[in-house]
């Protein structure tokens, strides 16, 4: 689904403001304390979003191909980020710096609409995650994850999946077993 219809000349203009970035597995795109002055488009790979809580890493999301990665709070305010973006696989991204994006905003209103639509989609995703964590039982959250992003189970460690679901890794194993047994019983 295309967010905004750009003309071919606008696409070229946007492409001229993008920079390619490779991030090797386990390396960081952004670390806590840095300002997120970019919006990244993940072309290939897998990037984990996490924060530190009393020294513990809490994974709050994982981005796969065709995702936008940005700490909207830091990007918007210029404040230091509380998030870390770490590659779980060798990753290829296209970045646009905030300064360049602002330049594009002044050239054509569609670029602003493009950014606003990205922010809206991210806000909706965050709201859905928050509602699921407060409303749905862990088994339902797991089933939804399997349905929406089945490839995550193959690509990221179980401890990160458990974090995303708001449960302990040992609970994830029990839930996985129960769901598998239910699926076998239905066959």
N, C-alpha and C. Protein backbone atom coordinates (compact mmCIF):
# COMPACT_ATOMS: atom_id res chain seq x y z
N UNK A 1 0.83 -1.18 0.00
CA UNK A 1 0.00 0.00 0.00
C UNK A 1 0.88 1.25 0.00
N UNK A 2 0.64 2.12 -0.91
CA UNK A 2 1.41 3.34 -1.01
C UNK A 2 0.82 4.39 -0.08
N UNK A 3 1.66 5.08 0.67
CA UNK A 3 1.20 6.07 1.64
C UNK A 3 0.79 7.36 0.96
N UNK A 4 1.60 7.83 0.02
CA UNK A 4 1.34 9.08 -0.71
C UNK A 4 1.74 8.85 -2.16
N UNK A 5 0.96 9.38 -3.08
CA UNK A 5 1.32 9.29 -4.50
C UNK A 5 2.31 10.39 -4.85
N UNK A 6 3.52 9.98 -5.22
CA UNK A 6 4.55 10.92 -5.63
C UNK A 6 4.69 10.87 -7.15
N UNK A 7 5.05 11.99 -7.73
CA UNK A 7 5.39 12.01 -9.15
C UNK A 7 6.78 11.41 -9.29
N UNK A 8 7.17 11.06 -10.50
CA UNK A 8 8.50 10.48 -10.72
C UNK A 8 9.59 11.47 -10.34
N UNK A 9 9.38 12.77 -10.57
CA UNK A 9 10.40 13.75 -10.20
C UNK A 9 10.49 13.89 -8.68
N UNK A 10 9.38 13.74 -7.97
CA UNK A 10 9.41 13.79 -6.50
C UNK A 10 10.11 12.56 -5.93
N UNK A 11 9.92 11.42 -6.57
CA UNK A 11 10.61 10.20 -6.13
C UNK A 11 12.11 10.38 -6.30
N UNK A 12 12.52 10.93 -7.42
CA UNK A 12 13.95 11.19 -7.66
C UNK A 12 14.48 12.16 -6.60
N UNK A 13 13.71 13.20 -6.30
CA UNK A 13 14.10 14.18 -5.29
C UNK A 13 14.28 13.51 -3.93
N UNK A 14 13.33 12.67 -3.57
CA UNK A 14 13.43 11.93 -2.30
C UNK A 14 14.66 11.02 -2.30
N UNK A 15 14.83 10.28 -3.37
CA UNK A 15 15.98 9.37 -3.47
C UNK A 15 17.30 10.11 -3.35
N UNK A 16 17.38 11.34 -3.87
CA UNK A 16 18.61 12.13 -3.78
C UNK A 16 18.93 12.55 -2.35
N UNK A 17 17.96 12.49 -1.46
CA UNK A 17 18.17 12.88 -0.07
C UNK A 17 18.34 11.68 0.87
N UNK A 18 18.28 10.48 0.30
CA UNK A 18 18.46 9.27 1.09
C UNK A 18 19.92 8.83 1.06
N UNK A 19 20.36 8.27 2.17
CA UNK A 19 21.70 7.70 2.21
C UNK A 19 21.59 6.23 2.60
N UNK A 20 22.42 5.40 2.00
CA UNK A 20 22.43 3.98 2.31
C UNK A 20 23.25 3.76 3.58
N UNK A 21 22.77 2.83 4.40
CA UNK A 21 23.50 2.50 5.62
C UNK A 21 23.42 0.99 5.84
N UNK A 22 24.57 0.40 6.10
CA UNK A 22 24.65 -1.02 6.46
C UNK A 22 24.96 -1.11 7.94
N UNK A 23 24.25 -1.99 8.62
CA UNK A 23 24.50 -2.22 10.04
C UNK A 23 24.70 -3.72 10.23
N UNK A 24 25.87 -4.09 10.70
CA UNK A 24 26.19 -5.50 10.90
C UNK A 24 25.45 -6.04 12.11
N UNK A 25 25.21 -7.33 12.11
CA UNK A 25 24.54 -8.02 13.21
C UNK A 25 25.18 -7.63 14.54
N UNK A 26 24.35 -7.32 15.52
CA UNK A 26 24.70 -6.93 16.89
C UNK A 26 25.16 -5.47 17.02
N UNK A 27 25.36 -4.77 15.90
CA UNK A 27 25.74 -3.36 15.97
C UNK A 27 24.48 -2.50 16.07
N UNK A 28 24.68 -1.23 16.38
CA UNK A 28 23.57 -0.33 16.67
C UNK A 28 23.36 0.70 15.56
N UNK A 29 22.11 0.95 15.27
CA UNK A 29 21.70 2.06 14.42
C UNK A 29 21.54 3.31 15.29
N UNK A 30 21.07 3.11 16.52
CA UNK A 30 20.88 4.19 17.49
C UNK A 30 21.09 3.61 18.87
N UNK A 31 21.75 4.39 19.75
CA UNK A 31 21.92 3.98 21.14
C UNK A 31 21.34 5.03 22.06
N UNK A 32 20.88 4.54 23.20
CA UNK A 32 20.34 5.44 24.23
C UNK A 32 21.32 6.58 24.48
N UNK A 33 20.79 7.79 24.58
CA UNK A 33 21.63 8.96 24.83
C UNK A 33 21.97 9.73 23.57
N UNK A 34 21.76 9.11 22.40
CA UNK A 34 21.98 9.81 21.14
C UNK A 34 20.66 10.44 20.69
N UNK A 35 20.76 11.46 19.89
CA UNK A 35 19.56 12.07 19.32
C UNK A 35 19.23 11.34 18.02
N UNK A 36 17.98 10.95 17.87
CA UNK A 36 17.53 10.31 16.63
C UNK A 36 17.20 11.41 15.64
N UNK A 37 18.15 11.72 14.76
CA UNK A 37 17.96 12.79 13.78
C UNK A 37 17.71 12.22 12.39
N UNK A 38 17.19 11.00 12.33
CA UNK A 38 16.95 10.33 11.06
C UNK A 38 15.67 9.51 11.10
N UNK A 39 15.18 9.23 9.92
CA UNK A 39 14.11 8.26 9.71
C UNK A 39 14.74 7.20 8.82
N UNK A 40 14.62 5.93 9.19
CA UNK A 40 15.25 4.85 8.43
C UNK A 40 14.20 3.93 7.82
N UNK A 41 14.46 3.51 6.60
CA UNK A 41 13.61 2.56 5.90
C UNK A 41 14.39 1.26 5.79
N UNK A 42 13.90 0.22 6.44
CA UNK A 42 14.61 -1.06 6.48
C UNK A 42 14.36 -1.83 5.19
N UNK A 43 15.41 -2.00 4.42
CA UNK A 43 15.34 -2.69 3.14
C UNK A 43 15.55 -4.19 3.32
N UNK A 44 16.52 -4.53 4.16
CA UNK A 44 16.88 -5.94 4.38
C UNK A 44 17.36 -6.08 5.81
N UNK A 45 16.91 -7.13 6.48
CA UNK A 45 17.40 -7.39 7.82
C UNK A 45 16.32 -7.33 8.89
N UNK A 46 16.81 -7.19 10.10
CA UNK A 46 15.95 -7.25 11.27
C UNK A 46 16.58 -6.37 12.36
N UNK A 47 15.79 -5.45 12.92
CA UNK A 47 16.30 -4.51 13.93
C UNK A 47 15.42 -4.57 15.17
N UNK A 48 16.07 -4.73 16.31
CA UNK A 48 15.38 -4.79 17.60
C UNK A 48 15.34 -3.41 18.23
N UNK A 49 14.19 -3.06 18.80
CA UNK A 49 14.01 -1.80 19.53
C UNK A 49 13.96 -2.18 21.01
N UNK A 50 14.87 -1.62 21.81
CA UNK A 50 14.81 -1.94 23.24
C UNK A 50 15.25 -0.75 24.07
N UNK A 51 14.90 -0.82 25.35
CA UNK A 51 15.35 0.19 26.31
C UNK A 51 15.88 -0.55 27.53
N UNK A 52 16.59 0.19 28.37
CA UNK A 52 17.16 -0.39 29.59
C UNK A 52 16.30 -0.02 30.79
N UNK A 53 16.04 -1.02 31.62
CA UNK A 53 15.28 -0.82 32.85
C UNK A 53 16.05 -1.49 33.97
N UNK A 54 16.70 -0.69 34.81
CA UNK A 54 17.55 -1.20 35.89
C UNK A 54 18.57 -2.21 35.36
N UNK A 55 19.16 -1.88 34.21
CA UNK A 55 20.19 -2.73 33.63
C UNK A 55 19.67 -3.87 32.77
N UNK A 56 18.36 -4.11 32.80
CA UNK A 56 17.77 -5.17 31.97
C UNK A 56 17.34 -4.59 30.62
N UNK A 57 17.61 -5.35 29.57
CA UNK A 57 17.16 -4.94 28.24
C UNK A 57 15.71 -5.38 28.04
N UNK A 58 14.85 -4.42 27.73
CA UNK A 58 13.43 -4.71 27.51
C UNK A 58 13.14 -4.46 26.03
N UNK A 59 12.90 -5.53 25.29
CA UNK A 59 12.59 -5.42 23.86
C UNK A 59 11.13 -5.02 23.72
N UNK A 60 10.90 -3.90 23.04
CA UNK A 60 9.52 -3.42 22.87
C UNK A 60 9.01 -3.63 21.45
N UNK A 61 9.91 -3.87 20.50
CA UNK A 61 9.46 -4.12 19.13
C UNK A 61 10.63 -4.65 18.31
N UNK A 62 10.31 -5.24 17.17
CA UNK A 62 11.30 -5.69 16.21
C UNK A 62 10.79 -5.29 14.83
N UNK A 63 11.66 -4.68 14.04
CA UNK A 63 11.30 -4.27 12.69
C UNK A 63 11.91 -5.25 11.69
N UNK A 64 11.10 -5.59 10.69
CA UNK A 64 11.55 -6.42 9.59
C UNK A 64 11.53 -5.59 8.31
N UNK A 65 11.87 -6.21 7.20
CA UNK A 65 11.91 -5.52 5.92
C UNK A 65 10.64 -4.70 5.68
N UNK A 66 10.83 -3.58 4.98
CA UNK A 66 9.75 -2.66 4.60
C UNK A 66 9.13 -1.93 5.79
N UNK A 67 9.92 -1.76 6.84
CA UNK A 67 9.47 -1.02 8.01
C UNK A 67 10.20 0.31 8.09
N UNK A 68 9.57 1.25 8.79
CA UNK A 68 10.20 2.53 9.09
C UNK A 68 10.68 2.47 10.53
N UNK A 69 11.91 2.92 10.76
CA UNK A 69 12.48 2.92 12.09
C UNK A 69 12.83 4.35 12.46
N UNK A 70 12.26 4.81 13.57
CA UNK A 70 12.53 6.16 14.07
C UNK A 70 12.07 6.24 15.51
N UNK A 71 12.80 6.93 16.34
CA UNK A 71 12.32 7.27 17.68
C UNK A 71 11.62 8.61 17.51
N UNK A 72 10.30 8.56 17.36
CA UNK A 72 9.54 9.78 17.06
C UNK A 72 9.73 10.86 18.11
N UNK A 73 9.81 10.48 19.37
CA UNK A 73 9.97 11.48 20.43
C UNK A 73 11.29 12.22 20.29
N UNK A 74 12.36 11.50 20.10
CA UNK A 74 13.68 12.11 19.94
C UNK A 74 13.76 12.88 18.62
N UNK A 75 13.23 12.29 17.55
CA UNK A 75 13.24 12.92 16.23
C UNK A 75 12.51 14.25 16.26
N UNK A 76 11.35 14.28 16.90
CA UNK A 76 10.53 15.48 16.94
C UNK A 76 11.12 16.55 17.85
N UNK A 77 11.58 16.13 19.04
CA UNK A 77 12.01 17.10 20.06
C UNK A 77 13.48 17.46 20.03
N UNK A 78 14.29 16.58 19.46
CA UNK A 78 15.74 16.79 19.49
C UNK A 78 16.35 16.34 20.81
N UNK A 79 15.54 15.72 21.67
CA UNK A 79 16.04 15.21 22.95
C UNK A 79 16.76 13.88 22.75
N UNK A 80 17.60 13.53 23.71
CA UNK A 80 18.32 12.26 23.64
C UNK A 80 17.33 11.10 23.72
N UNK A 81 17.62 10.08 22.95
CA UNK A 81 16.75 8.91 22.89
C UNK A 81 16.90 8.03 24.12
N UNK A 82 15.82 7.39 24.49
CA UNK A 82 15.84 6.38 25.55
C UNK A 82 15.88 4.99 24.94
N UNK A 83 15.81 4.93 23.61
CA UNK A 83 15.77 3.66 22.89
C UNK A 83 17.11 3.28 22.30
N UNK A 84 17.22 2.01 22.00
CA UNK A 84 18.35 1.45 21.27
C UNK A 84 17.78 0.70 20.07
N UNK A 85 18.39 0.86 18.91
CA UNK A 85 18.03 0.10 17.72
C UNK A 85 19.24 -0.76 17.37
N UNK A 86 19.10 -2.08 17.54
CA UNK A 86 20.21 -3.00 17.32
C UNK A 86 19.85 -4.00 16.23
N UNK A 87 20.78 -4.20 15.29
CA UNK A 87 20.57 -5.17 14.22
C UNK A 87 20.68 -6.59 14.78
N UNK A 88 19.67 -7.39 14.50
CA UNK A 88 19.71 -8.81 14.87
C UNK A 88 20.23 -9.66 13.71
N UNK A 89 20.27 -9.05 12.54
CA UNK A 89 20.83 -9.64 11.34
C UNK A 89 21.58 -8.52 10.62
N UNK A 90 22.50 -8.87 9.73
CA UNK A 90 23.09 -7.83 8.89
C UNK A 90 21.94 -7.12 8.19
N UNK A 91 21.93 -5.80 8.28
CA UNK A 91 20.78 -5.03 7.79
C UNK A 91 21.20 -3.92 6.84
N UNK A 92 20.33 -3.66 5.86
CA UNK A 92 20.53 -2.58 4.89
C UNK A 92 19.37 -1.60 5.04
N UNK A 93 19.70 -0.33 5.17
CA UNK A 93 18.69 0.69 5.38
C UNK A 93 18.92 1.89 4.48
N UNK A 94 17.86 2.65 4.28
CA UNK A 94 17.95 3.96 3.64
C UNK A 94 17.57 4.98 4.70
N UNK A 95 18.42 5.98 4.90
CA UNK A 95 18.17 6.99 5.92
C UNK A 95 17.93 8.34 5.29
N UNK A 96 17.04 9.08 5.93
CA UNK A 96 16.89 10.49 5.58
C UNK A 96 17.04 11.26 6.88
N UNK A 97 17.92 12.23 6.87
CA UNK A 97 18.17 13.05 8.05
C UNK A 97 17.04 14.07 8.20
N UNK A 98 16.79 14.46 9.44
CA UNK A 98 15.72 15.42 9.73
C UNK A 98 15.91 16.72 8.95
N UNK A 99 17.13 17.17 8.87
CA UNK A 99 17.44 18.42 8.15
C UNK A 99 17.02 18.31 6.69
N UNK A 100 17.32 17.17 6.06
CA UNK A 100 16.96 16.95 4.66
C UNK A 100 15.44 16.83 4.50
N UNK A 101 14.80 16.17 5.46
CA UNK A 101 13.35 16.01 5.40
C UNK A 101 12.67 17.37 5.52
N UNK A 102 13.17 18.22 6.40
CA UNK A 102 12.61 19.57 6.53
C UNK A 102 12.78 20.36 5.23
N UNK A 103 13.89 20.14 4.56
CA UNK A 103 14.12 20.79 3.27
C UNK A 103 13.06 20.34 2.25
N UNK A 104 12.76 19.03 2.26
CA UNK A 104 11.75 18.50 1.35
C UNK A 104 10.35 19.04 1.70
N UNK A 105 10.08 19.22 2.99
CA UNK A 105 8.79 19.77 3.42
C UNK A 105 8.55 21.14 2.78
N UNK A 106 9.61 21.93 2.73
CA UNK A 106 9.46 23.27 2.17
C UNK A 106 9.28 23.25 0.66
N UNK A 107 9.66 22.14 0.03
CA UNK A 107 9.55 22.04 -1.43
C UNK A 107 8.17 21.56 -1.89
N UNK A 108 7.57 20.67 -1.11
CA UNK A 108 6.29 20.10 -1.54
C UNK A 108 5.54 19.55 -0.33
N UNK A 109 4.28 19.89 -0.26
CA UNK A 109 3.41 19.50 0.84
C UNK A 109 3.25 17.98 0.95
N UNK A 110 3.41 17.26 -0.15
CA UNK A 110 3.24 15.81 -0.13
C UNK A 110 4.28 15.13 0.76
N UNK A 111 5.46 15.73 0.89
CA UNK A 111 6.48 15.14 1.76
C UNK A 111 6.05 15.23 3.22
N UNK A 112 5.41 16.34 3.58
CA UNK A 112 4.86 16.46 4.94
C UNK A 112 3.77 15.43 5.16
N UNK A 113 2.91 15.27 4.19
CA UNK A 113 1.82 14.28 4.28
C UNK A 113 2.41 12.88 4.43
N UNK A 114 3.47 12.60 3.69
CA UNK A 114 4.17 11.31 3.75
C UNK A 114 4.65 11.04 5.18
N UNK A 115 5.33 12.02 5.78
CA UNK A 115 5.84 11.86 7.15
C UNK A 115 4.70 11.75 8.17
N UNK A 116 3.66 12.54 7.96
CA UNK A 116 2.52 12.47 8.87
C UNK A 116 1.87 11.09 8.83
N UNK A 117 1.72 10.52 7.63
CA UNK A 117 1.11 9.19 7.50
C UNK A 117 1.98 8.12 8.17
N UNK A 118 3.30 8.25 8.06
CA UNK A 118 4.20 7.31 8.74
C UNK A 118 4.00 7.43 10.24
N UNK A 119 3.98 8.66 10.76
CA UNK A 119 3.80 8.88 12.20
C UNK A 119 2.45 8.34 12.66
N UNK A 120 1.41 8.55 11.87
CA UNK A 120 0.08 8.03 12.23
C UNK A 120 0.09 6.51 12.30
N UNK A 121 0.69 5.86 11.31
CA UNK A 121 0.75 4.40 11.31
C UNK A 121 1.54 3.89 12.51
N UNK A 122 2.63 4.57 12.86
CA UNK A 122 3.42 4.17 14.03
C UNK A 122 2.62 4.36 15.31
N UNK A 123 1.89 5.46 15.41
CA UNK A 123 1.08 5.72 16.60
C UNK A 123 -0.02 4.66 16.76
N UNK A 124 -0.65 4.30 15.66
CA UNK A 124 -1.69 3.27 15.70
C UNK A 124 -1.09 1.94 16.14
N UNK A 125 0.08 1.60 15.60
CA UNK A 125 0.76 0.36 16.00
C UNK A 125 1.07 0.36 17.49
N UNK A 126 1.59 1.48 17.99
CA UNK A 126 1.91 1.58 19.43
C UNK A 126 0.65 1.45 20.28
N UNK A 127 -0.42 2.08 19.85
CA UNK A 127 -1.69 1.99 20.58
C UNK A 127 -2.20 0.55 20.59
N UNK A 128 -2.13 -0.13 19.45
CA UNK A 128 -2.57 -1.53 19.39
C UNK A 128 -1.73 -2.42 20.30
N UNK A 129 -0.43 -2.20 20.33
CA UNK A 129 0.45 -2.97 21.22
C UNK A 129 0.08 -2.72 22.67
N UNK A 130 -0.08 -1.44 23.04
CA UNK A 130 -0.43 -1.09 24.42
C UNK A 130 -1.77 -1.70 24.82
N UNK A 131 -2.75 -1.62 23.94
CA UNK A 131 -4.07 -2.18 24.25
C UNK A 131 -3.99 -3.70 24.40
N UNK A 132 -3.22 -4.34 23.54
CA UNK A 132 -3.08 -5.79 23.62
C UNK A 132 -2.40 -6.19 24.93
N UNK A 133 -1.36 -5.46 25.31
CA UNK A 133 -0.64 -5.79 26.55
C UNK A 133 -1.52 -5.61 27.79
N UNK A 134 -2.44 -4.66 27.75
CA UNK A 134 -3.29 -4.43 28.92
C UNK A 134 -4.60 -5.20 28.88
N UNK A 135 -5.00 -5.66 27.70
CA UNK A 135 -6.32 -6.28 27.58
C UNK A 135 -6.26 -7.78 27.28
N UNK A 136 -5.42 -8.18 26.35
CA UNK A 136 -5.39 -9.57 25.90
C UNK A 136 -4.58 -10.46 26.83
N UNK A 137 -5.00 -11.70 26.93
CA UNK A 137 -4.24 -12.70 27.68
C UNK A 137 -3.00 -13.07 26.86
N UNK A 138 -1.94 -13.51 27.53
CA UNK A 138 -0.70 -13.84 26.82
C UNK A 138 -0.89 -14.82 25.66
N UNK A 139 -1.76 -15.78 25.80
CA UNK A 139 -1.99 -16.76 24.73
C UNK A 139 -2.55 -16.07 23.49
N UNK A 140 -3.45 -15.13 23.68
CA UNK A 140 -4.01 -14.40 22.54
C UNK A 140 -2.94 -13.51 21.90
N UNK A 141 -2.11 -12.86 22.73
CA UNK A 141 -1.02 -12.03 22.17
C UNK A 141 -0.08 -12.90 21.33
N UNK A 142 0.22 -14.10 21.83
CA UNK A 142 1.09 -15.01 21.09
C UNK A 142 0.44 -15.43 19.77
N UNK A 143 -0.83 -15.81 19.82
CA UNK A 143 -1.55 -16.21 18.60
C UNK A 143 -1.59 -15.08 17.58
N UNK A 144 -1.82 -13.86 18.05
CA UNK A 144 -1.83 -12.70 17.15
C UNK A 144 -0.46 -12.49 16.51
N UNK A 145 0.60 -12.64 17.29
CA UNK A 145 1.95 -12.48 16.76
C UNK A 145 2.24 -13.53 15.70
N UNK A 146 1.85 -14.78 15.98
CA UNK A 146 2.07 -15.86 15.02
C UNK A 146 1.32 -15.58 13.72
N UNK A 147 0.11 -15.03 13.84
CA UNK A 147 -0.72 -14.74 12.67
C UNK A 147 -0.17 -13.54 11.89
N UNK A 148 0.25 -12.46 12.61
CA UNK A 148 0.67 -11.22 11.96
C UNK A 148 2.12 -11.25 11.49
N UNK A 149 3.00 -11.87 12.26
CA UNK A 149 4.44 -11.88 11.92
C UNK A 149 5.04 -13.26 12.20
N UNK A 150 4.60 -14.28 11.50
CA UNK A 150 5.10 -15.64 11.78
C UNK A 150 6.62 -15.77 11.61
N UNK A 151 7.19 -14.95 10.72
CA UNK A 151 8.63 -15.04 10.47
C UNK A 151 9.47 -14.63 11.69
N UNK A 152 8.88 -13.87 12.60
CA UNK A 152 9.61 -13.46 13.81
C UNK A 152 10.06 -14.68 14.61
N UNK A 153 9.19 -15.69 14.68
CA UNK A 153 9.52 -16.88 15.46
C UNK A 153 10.75 -17.60 14.93
N UNK A 154 11.03 -17.45 13.64
CA UNK A 154 12.19 -18.09 13.03
C UNK A 154 13.43 -17.21 13.08
N UNK A 155 13.23 -15.90 13.21
CA UNK A 155 14.35 -14.97 13.02
C UNK A 155 14.90 -14.35 14.29
N UNK A 156 14.14 -14.35 15.36
CA UNK A 156 14.65 -13.70 16.58
C UNK A 156 14.60 -14.66 17.77
N UNK A 157 15.51 -14.47 18.73
CA UNK A 157 15.53 -15.34 19.91
C UNK A 157 14.23 -15.27 20.72
N UNK A 158 13.90 -16.38 21.34
CA UNK A 158 12.67 -16.50 22.13
C UNK A 158 12.59 -15.46 23.25
N UNK A 159 13.73 -15.09 23.84
CA UNK A 159 13.68 -14.12 24.94
C UNK A 159 13.16 -12.76 24.47
N UNK A 160 13.44 -12.40 23.21
CA UNK A 160 12.93 -11.13 22.68
C UNK A 160 11.44 -11.23 22.37
N UNK A 161 11.03 -12.39 21.87
CA UNK A 161 9.59 -12.59 21.62
C UNK A 161 8.83 -12.51 22.94
N UNK A 162 9.36 -13.14 23.97
CA UNK A 162 8.71 -13.08 25.29
C UNK A 162 8.59 -11.64 25.76
N UNK A 163 9.66 -10.85 25.61
CA UNK A 163 9.63 -9.43 25.98
C UNK A 163 8.53 -8.68 25.25
N UNK A 164 8.46 -8.88 23.95
CA UNK A 164 7.45 -8.20 23.13
C UNK A 164 6.05 -8.54 23.62
N UNK A 165 5.87 -9.80 24.03
CA UNK A 165 4.56 -10.26 24.49
C UNK A 165 4.29 -9.89 25.95
N UNK A 166 5.31 -9.37 26.64
CA UNK A 166 5.15 -8.98 28.04
C UNK A 166 5.11 -10.16 28.99
N UNK A 167 5.84 -11.23 28.64
CA UNK A 167 5.86 -12.43 29.48
C UNK A 167 7.31 -12.90 29.67
N UNK A 168 7.49 -13.87 30.55
CA UNK A 168 8.80 -14.48 30.79
C UNK A 168 9.05 -15.57 29.73
N UNK A 169 10.32 -15.83 29.39
CA UNK A 169 10.62 -16.86 28.38
C UNK A 169 10.04 -18.24 28.72
N UNK A 170 10.03 -18.61 30.00
CA UNK A 170 9.47 -19.92 30.36
C UNK A 170 7.96 -19.97 30.13
N UNK A 171 7.29 -18.84 30.30
CA UNK A 171 5.85 -18.76 30.01
C UNK A 171 5.61 -18.91 28.51
N UNK A 172 6.50 -18.33 27.71
CA UNK A 172 6.38 -18.45 26.25
C UNK A 172 6.44 -19.91 25.83
N UNK A 173 7.32 -20.68 26.42
CA UNK A 173 7.43 -22.11 26.09
C UNK A 173 6.13 -22.84 26.40
N UNK A 174 5.53 -22.56 27.55
CA UNK A 174 4.26 -23.20 27.93
C UNK A 174 3.14 -22.80 26.98
N UNK A 175 3.08 -21.50 26.66
CA UNK A 175 2.04 -21.01 25.74
C UNK A 175 2.20 -21.65 24.36
N UNK A 176 3.44 -21.71 23.87
CA UNK A 176 3.71 -22.32 22.57
C UNK A 176 3.23 -23.78 22.57
N UNK A 177 3.52 -24.51 23.65
CA UNK A 177 3.10 -25.90 23.76
C UNK A 177 1.57 -26.02 23.73
N UNK A 178 0.89 -25.18 24.53
CA UNK A 178 -0.58 -25.22 24.58
C UNK A 178 -1.19 -24.91 23.21
N UNK A 179 -0.70 -23.88 22.56
CA UNK A 179 -1.22 -23.50 21.24
C UNK A 179 -0.98 -24.63 20.24
N UNK A 180 0.19 -25.23 20.27
CA UNK A 180 0.50 -26.34 19.35
C UNK A 180 -0.42 -27.52 19.59
N UNK A 181 -0.70 -27.84 20.86
CA UNK A 181 -1.60 -28.94 21.18
C UNK A 181 -3.02 -28.66 20.70
N UNK A 182 -3.46 -27.41 20.85
CA UNK A 182 -4.81 -27.04 20.37
C UNK A 182 -4.90 -27.17 18.87
N UNK A 183 -3.84 -26.72 18.17
CA UNK A 183 -3.83 -26.80 16.70
C UNK A 183 -3.85 -28.25 16.23
N UNK A 184 -3.10 -29.13 16.92
CA UNK A 184 -3.09 -30.56 16.56
C UNK A 184 -4.45 -31.19 16.79
N UNK A 185 -5.13 -30.77 17.87
CA UNK A 185 -6.45 -31.32 18.18
C UNK A 185 -7.49 -30.92 17.13
N UNK A 186 -7.29 -29.77 16.49
CA UNK A 186 -8.23 -29.30 15.48
C UNK A 186 -8.05 -30.00 14.14
N UNK A 187 -6.88 -30.62 13.93
CA UNK A 187 -6.59 -31.27 12.65
C UNK A 187 -7.20 -32.62 12.55
